[in-house]
Amino acid sequence: MLRIGALLFALPGILLLTLYGLEMSALNDCKELGQSLDFNSGQCSSAEQQYSSYYQRHALFVNLMMLASLIGALMMTWGMMVKGMTRPKH
């Protein structure tokens, strides 16, 4: 339970940071060209765009990933409580 909980705790955060970083990289590439990123198509455009946060555009996905991470943290906590304070015997 500890291993599954640890994976469930860490992977959603890593996934969200990766997706956010890729989007920010595309946004910066478009800014260097003097354009703005069209978030719907993922392409650079010359039209002025209003920036919206990643959370505003993907609220359900972000909330589900945070819920999965919370469940992972609870699984790790439960696994530590069940396992108890064990010490290796010499």
N, C-alpha and C. Protein backbone atom coordinates (compact mmCIF):
# COMPACT_ATOMS: atom_id res chain seq x y z
N MET A 1 0.82 -1.18 0.00
CA MET A 1 0.00 0.00 0.00
C MET A 1 0.87 1.26 0.00
N LEU A 2 2.02 1.18 0.65
CA LEU A 2 2.91 2.34 0.69
C LEU A 2 3.43 2.70 -0.70
N ARG A 3 3.81 1.69 -1.47
CA ARG A 3 4.36 1.96 -2.80
C ARG A 3 3.31 2.52 -3.74
N ILE A 4 2.14 1.94 -3.73
CA ILE A 4 1.06 2.44 -4.59
C ILE A 4 0.68 3.85 -4.17
N GLY A 5 0.60 4.09 -2.87
CA GLY A 5 0.29 5.42 -2.36
C GLY A 5 1.34 6.44 -2.76
N ALA A 6 2.61 6.03 -2.70
CA ALA A 6 3.68 6.96 -3.08
C ALA A 6 3.60 7.31 -4.56
N LEU A 7 3.32 6.32 -5.40
CA LEU A 7 3.16 6.59 -6.83
C LEU A 7 1.97 7.48 -7.09
N LEU A 8 0.87 7.17 -6.43
CA LEU A 8 -0.35 7.95 -6.63
C LEU A 8 -0.19 9.37 -6.08
N PHE A 9 0.66 9.53 -5.10
CA PHE A 9 0.93 10.85 -4.55
C PHE A 9 1.81 11.68 -5.49
N ALA A 10 2.83 11.07 -6.05
CA ALA A 10 3.84 11.82 -6.81
C ALA A 10 3.50 12.01 -8.28
N LEU A 11 2.98 11.00 -8.94
CA LEU A 11 2.79 11.06 -10.38
C LEU A 11 1.84 12.16 -10.87
N PRO A 12 0.71 12.41 -10.21
CA PRO A 12 -0.13 13.50 -10.70
C PRO A 12 0.57 14.87 -10.67
N GLY A 13 1.33 15.13 -9.65
CA GLY A 13 2.07 16.39 -9.58
C GLY A 13 3.11 16.50 -10.67
N ILE A 14 3.83 15.41 -10.91
CA ILE A 14 4.83 15.41 -11.98
C ILE A 14 4.16 15.61 -13.33
N LEU A 15 3.04 14.96 -13.55
CA LEU A 15 2.30 15.11 -14.81
C LEU A 15 1.83 16.55 -15.00
N LEU A 16 1.25 17.14 -13.97
CA LEU A 16 0.77 18.51 -14.07
C LEU A 16 1.91 19.49 -14.33
N LEU A 17 3.03 19.32 -13.63
CA LEU A 17 4.17 20.22 -13.85
C LEU A 17 4.73 20.07 -15.26
N THR A 18 4.75 18.86 -15.79
CA THR A 18 5.23 18.63 -17.15
C THR A 18 4.33 19.30 -18.17
N LEU A 19 3.02 19.09 -18.05
CA LEU A 19 2.09 19.70 -18.99
C LEU A 19 2.12 21.23 -18.92
N TYR A 20 2.19 21.76 -17.71
CA TYR A 20 2.28 23.21 -17.53
C TYR A 20 3.56 23.75 -18.14
N GLY A 21 4.66 23.05 -17.93
CA GLY A 21 5.95 23.48 -18.49
C GLY A 21 5.96 23.47 -20.00
N LEU A 22 5.36 22.44 -20.61
CA LEU A 22 5.28 22.38 -22.07
C LEU A 22 4.46 23.54 -22.62
N GLU A 23 3.36 23.85 -21.94
CA GLU A 23 2.53 24.97 -22.39
C GLU A 23 3.26 26.30 -22.24
N MET A 24 3.97 26.48 -21.14
CA MET A 24 4.71 27.72 -20.94
C MET A 24 5.85 27.85 -21.95
N SER A 25 6.45 26.74 -22.33
CA SER A 25 7.49 26.76 -23.34
C SER A 25 6.92 27.22 -24.69
N ALA A 26 5.75 26.69 -25.05
CA ALA A 26 5.11 27.11 -26.30
C ALA A 26 4.73 28.59 -26.24
N LEU A 27 4.26 29.03 -25.09
CA LEU A 27 3.89 30.44 -24.91
C LEU A 27 5.11 31.34 -25.08
N ASN A 28 6.23 30.96 -24.49
CA ASN A 28 7.45 31.76 -24.61
C ASN A 28 7.99 31.76 -26.03
N ASP A 29 7.87 30.63 -26.73
CA ASP A 29 8.30 30.58 -28.14
C ASP A 29 7.50 31.56 -28.98
N CYS A 30 6.21 31.63 -28.74
CA CYS A 30 5.37 32.56 -29.49
C CYS A 30 5.70 34.01 -29.14
N LYS A 31 5.98 34.27 -27.87
CA LYS A 31 6.33 35.64 -27.46
C LYS A 31 7.63 36.08 -28.11
N GLU A 32 8.58 35.16 -28.28
CA GLU A 32 9.84 35.51 -28.94
C GLU A 32 9.62 35.90 -30.39
N LEU A 33 8.58 35.34 -31.01
CA LEU A 33 8.25 35.67 -32.39
C LEU A 33 7.38 36.92 -32.49
N GLY A 34 7.04 37.51 -31.35
CA GLY A 34 6.20 38.70 -31.33
C GLY A 34 4.73 38.39 -31.53
N GLN A 35 4.35 37.16 -31.25
CA GLN A 35 2.96 36.73 -31.40
C GLN A 35 2.44 36.24 -30.07
N SER A 36 1.21 35.76 -30.08
CA SER A 36 0.65 35.17 -28.86
C SER A 36 0.16 33.77 -29.17
N LEU A 37 0.05 32.98 -28.14
CA LEU A 37 -0.36 31.58 -28.29
C LEU A 37 -1.87 31.48 -28.27
N ASP A 38 -2.42 30.82 -29.27
CA ASP A 38 -3.85 30.49 -29.27
C ASP A 38 -3.99 29.17 -28.51
N PHE A 39 -4.55 29.23 -27.31
CA PHE A 39 -4.60 28.05 -26.45
C PHE A 39 -5.51 26.96 -27.00
N ASN A 40 -6.49 27.31 -27.81
CA ASN A 40 -7.39 26.31 -28.37
C ASN A 40 -6.69 25.45 -29.42
N SER A 41 -5.92 26.08 -30.30
CA SER A 41 -5.26 25.33 -31.37
C SER A 41 -3.82 24.96 -31.03
N GLY A 42 -3.22 25.66 -30.08
CA GLY A 42 -1.83 25.41 -29.73
C GLY A 42 -0.85 26.03 -30.71
N GLN A 43 -1.32 26.92 -31.58
CA GLN A 43 -0.49 27.56 -32.59
C GLN A 43 -0.30 29.04 -32.25
N CYS A 44 0.79 29.60 -32.77
CA CYS A 44 1.03 31.03 -32.61
C CYS A 44 0.11 31.81 -33.54
N SER A 45 -0.38 32.94 -33.07
CA SER A 45 -1.22 33.79 -33.91
C SER A 45 -0.86 35.24 -33.64
N SER A 46 -1.19 36.08 -34.62
CA SER A 46 -0.87 37.49 -34.46
C SER A 46 -1.97 38.25 -33.72
N ALA A 47 -3.12 37.63 -33.54
CA ALA A 47 -4.22 38.28 -32.81
C ALA A 47 -3.86 38.36 -31.32
N GLU A 48 -4.25 39.45 -30.71
CA GLU A 48 -3.98 39.64 -29.27
C GLU A 48 -4.89 38.71 -28.47
N GLN A 49 -4.29 37.92 -27.62
CA GLN A 49 -5.04 36.97 -26.81
C GLN A 49 -5.00 37.38 -25.35
N GLN A 50 -6.10 37.14 -24.67
CA GLN A 50 -6.11 37.31 -23.22
C GLN A 50 -5.57 36.02 -22.60
N TYR A 51 -4.65 36.18 -21.67
CA TYR A 51 -4.07 35.01 -21.02
C TYR A 51 -5.03 34.46 -19.99
N SER A 52 -5.18 33.16 -19.99
CA SER A 52 -5.95 32.49 -18.95
C SER A 52 -5.05 31.41 -18.36
N SER A 53 -5.20 31.16 -17.09
CA SER A 53 -4.32 30.21 -16.42
C SER A 53 -4.62 28.78 -16.86
N TYR A 54 -3.65 27.91 -16.63
CA TYR A 54 -3.82 26.49 -16.97
C TYR A 54 -5.01 25.92 -16.20
N TYR A 55 -5.14 26.34 -14.96
CA TYR A 55 -6.25 25.84 -14.13
C TYR A 55 -7.60 26.29 -14.68
N GLN A 56 -7.70 27.51 -15.18
CA GLN A 56 -8.96 27.99 -15.72
C GLN A 56 -9.40 27.17 -16.93
N ARG A 57 -8.45 26.74 -17.73
CA ARG A 57 -8.78 25.99 -18.93
C ARG A 57 -8.92 24.49 -18.70
N HIS A 58 -8.32 23.97 -17.65
CA HIS A 58 -8.35 22.53 -17.38
C HIS A 58 -8.71 22.25 -15.93
N ALA A 59 -9.73 22.89 -15.43
CA ALA A 59 -10.07 22.81 -14.01
C ALA A 59 -10.39 21.38 -13.56
N LEU A 60 -11.19 20.66 -14.33
CA LEU A 60 -11.57 19.31 -13.93
C LEU A 60 -10.36 18.39 -13.88
N PHE A 61 -9.49 18.48 -14.88
CA PHE A 61 -8.29 17.64 -14.92
C PHE A 61 -7.38 17.93 -13.73
N VAL A 62 -7.14 19.21 -13.46
CA VAL A 62 -6.27 19.59 -12.34
C VAL A 62 -6.88 19.12 -11.02
N ASN A 63 -8.17 19.32 -10.84
CA ASN A 63 -8.82 18.89 -9.60
C ASN A 63 -8.77 17.38 -9.42
N LEU A 64 -8.95 16.62 -10.50
CA LEU A 64 -8.86 15.16 -10.40
C LEU A 64 -7.44 14.70 -10.07
N MET A 65 -6.45 15.37 -10.63
CA MET A 65 -5.06 15.02 -10.32
C MET A 65 -4.73 15.33 -8.86
N MET A 66 -5.24 16.44 -8.35
CA MET A 66 -5.01 16.77 -6.95
C MET A 66 -5.76 15.80 -6.03
N LEU A 67 -6.93 15.36 -6.44
CA LEU A 67 -7.67 14.36 -5.67
C LEU A 67 -6.90 13.04 -5.64
N ALA A 68 -6.35 12.64 -6.78
CA ALA A 68 -5.55 11.41 -6.83
C ALA A 68 -4.33 11.53 -5.92
N SER A 69 -3.71 12.70 -5.91
CA SER A 69 -2.55 12.91 -5.04
C SER A 69 -2.94 12.84 -3.56
N LEU A 70 -4.08 13.41 -3.23
CA LEU A 70 -4.57 13.34 -1.85
C LEU A 70 -4.86 11.90 -1.44
N ILE A 71 -5.47 11.14 -2.33
CA ILE A 71 -5.75 9.73 -2.04
C ILE A 71 -4.44 8.98 -1.84
N GLY A 72 -3.43 9.28 -2.65
CA GLY A 72 -2.11 8.67 -2.47
C GLY A 72 -1.49 9.01 -1.13
N ALA A 73 -1.63 10.25 -0.70
CA ALA A 73 -1.10 10.65 0.61
C ALA A 73 -1.82 9.91 1.73
N LEU A 74 -3.13 9.76 1.60
CA LEU A 74 -3.88 9.02 2.62
C LEU A 74 -3.52 7.55 2.62
N MET A 75 -3.28 6.98 1.43
CA MET A 75 -2.86 5.57 1.36
C MET A 75 -1.50 5.37 2.02
N MET A 76 -0.59 6.31 1.80
CA MET A 76 0.72 6.20 2.44
C MET A 76 0.59 6.30 3.96
N THR A 77 -0.23 7.22 4.42
CA THR A 77 -0.44 7.38 5.86
C THR A 77 -1.04 6.12 6.46
N TRP A 78 -2.05 5.58 5.79
CA TRP A 78 -2.69 4.36 6.28
C TRP A 78 -1.69 3.20 6.28
N GLY A 79 -0.89 3.10 5.23
CA GLY A 79 0.10 2.03 5.16
C GLY A 79 1.13 2.14 6.28
N MET A 80 1.54 3.34 6.63
CA MET A 80 2.49 3.52 7.72
C MET A 80 1.85 3.19 9.06
N MET A 81 0.58 3.50 9.21
CA MET A 81 -0.11 3.18 10.47
C MET A 81 -0.29 1.67 10.62
N VAL A 82 -0.60 0.99 9.55
CA VAL A 82 -0.80 -0.46 9.60
C VAL A 82 0.53 -1.16 9.83
N LYS A 83 1.56 -0.71 9.15
CA LYS A 83 2.87 -1.34 9.27
C LYS A 83 3.45 -1.13 10.66
N GLY A 84 3.21 0.03 11.22
CA GLY A 84 3.71 0.32 12.56
C GLY A 84 5.17 0.70 12.55
N MET A 85 5.68 0.90 13.73
CA MET A 85 7.07 1.30 13.89
C MET A 85 7.91 0.03 13.99
N THR A 86 8.28 -0.52 12.88
CA THR A 86 9.09 -1.74 12.88
C THR A 86 10.55 -1.37 12.76
N ARG A 87 11.37 -2.13 13.44
CA ARG A 87 12.81 -1.97 13.37
C ARG A 87 13.40 -3.31 12.97
N PRO A 88 14.46 -3.26 12.17
CA PRO A 88 15.09 -4.52 11.80
C PRO A 88 15.70 -5.19 13.03
N LYS A 89 15.50 -6.51 13.13
CA LYS A 89 16.04 -7.26 14.26
C LYS A 89 17.43 -7.76 13.92
N HIS A 90 18.32 -7.65 14.88
CA HIS A 90 19.71 -8.05 14.65
C HIS A 90 19.89 -9.49 14.95
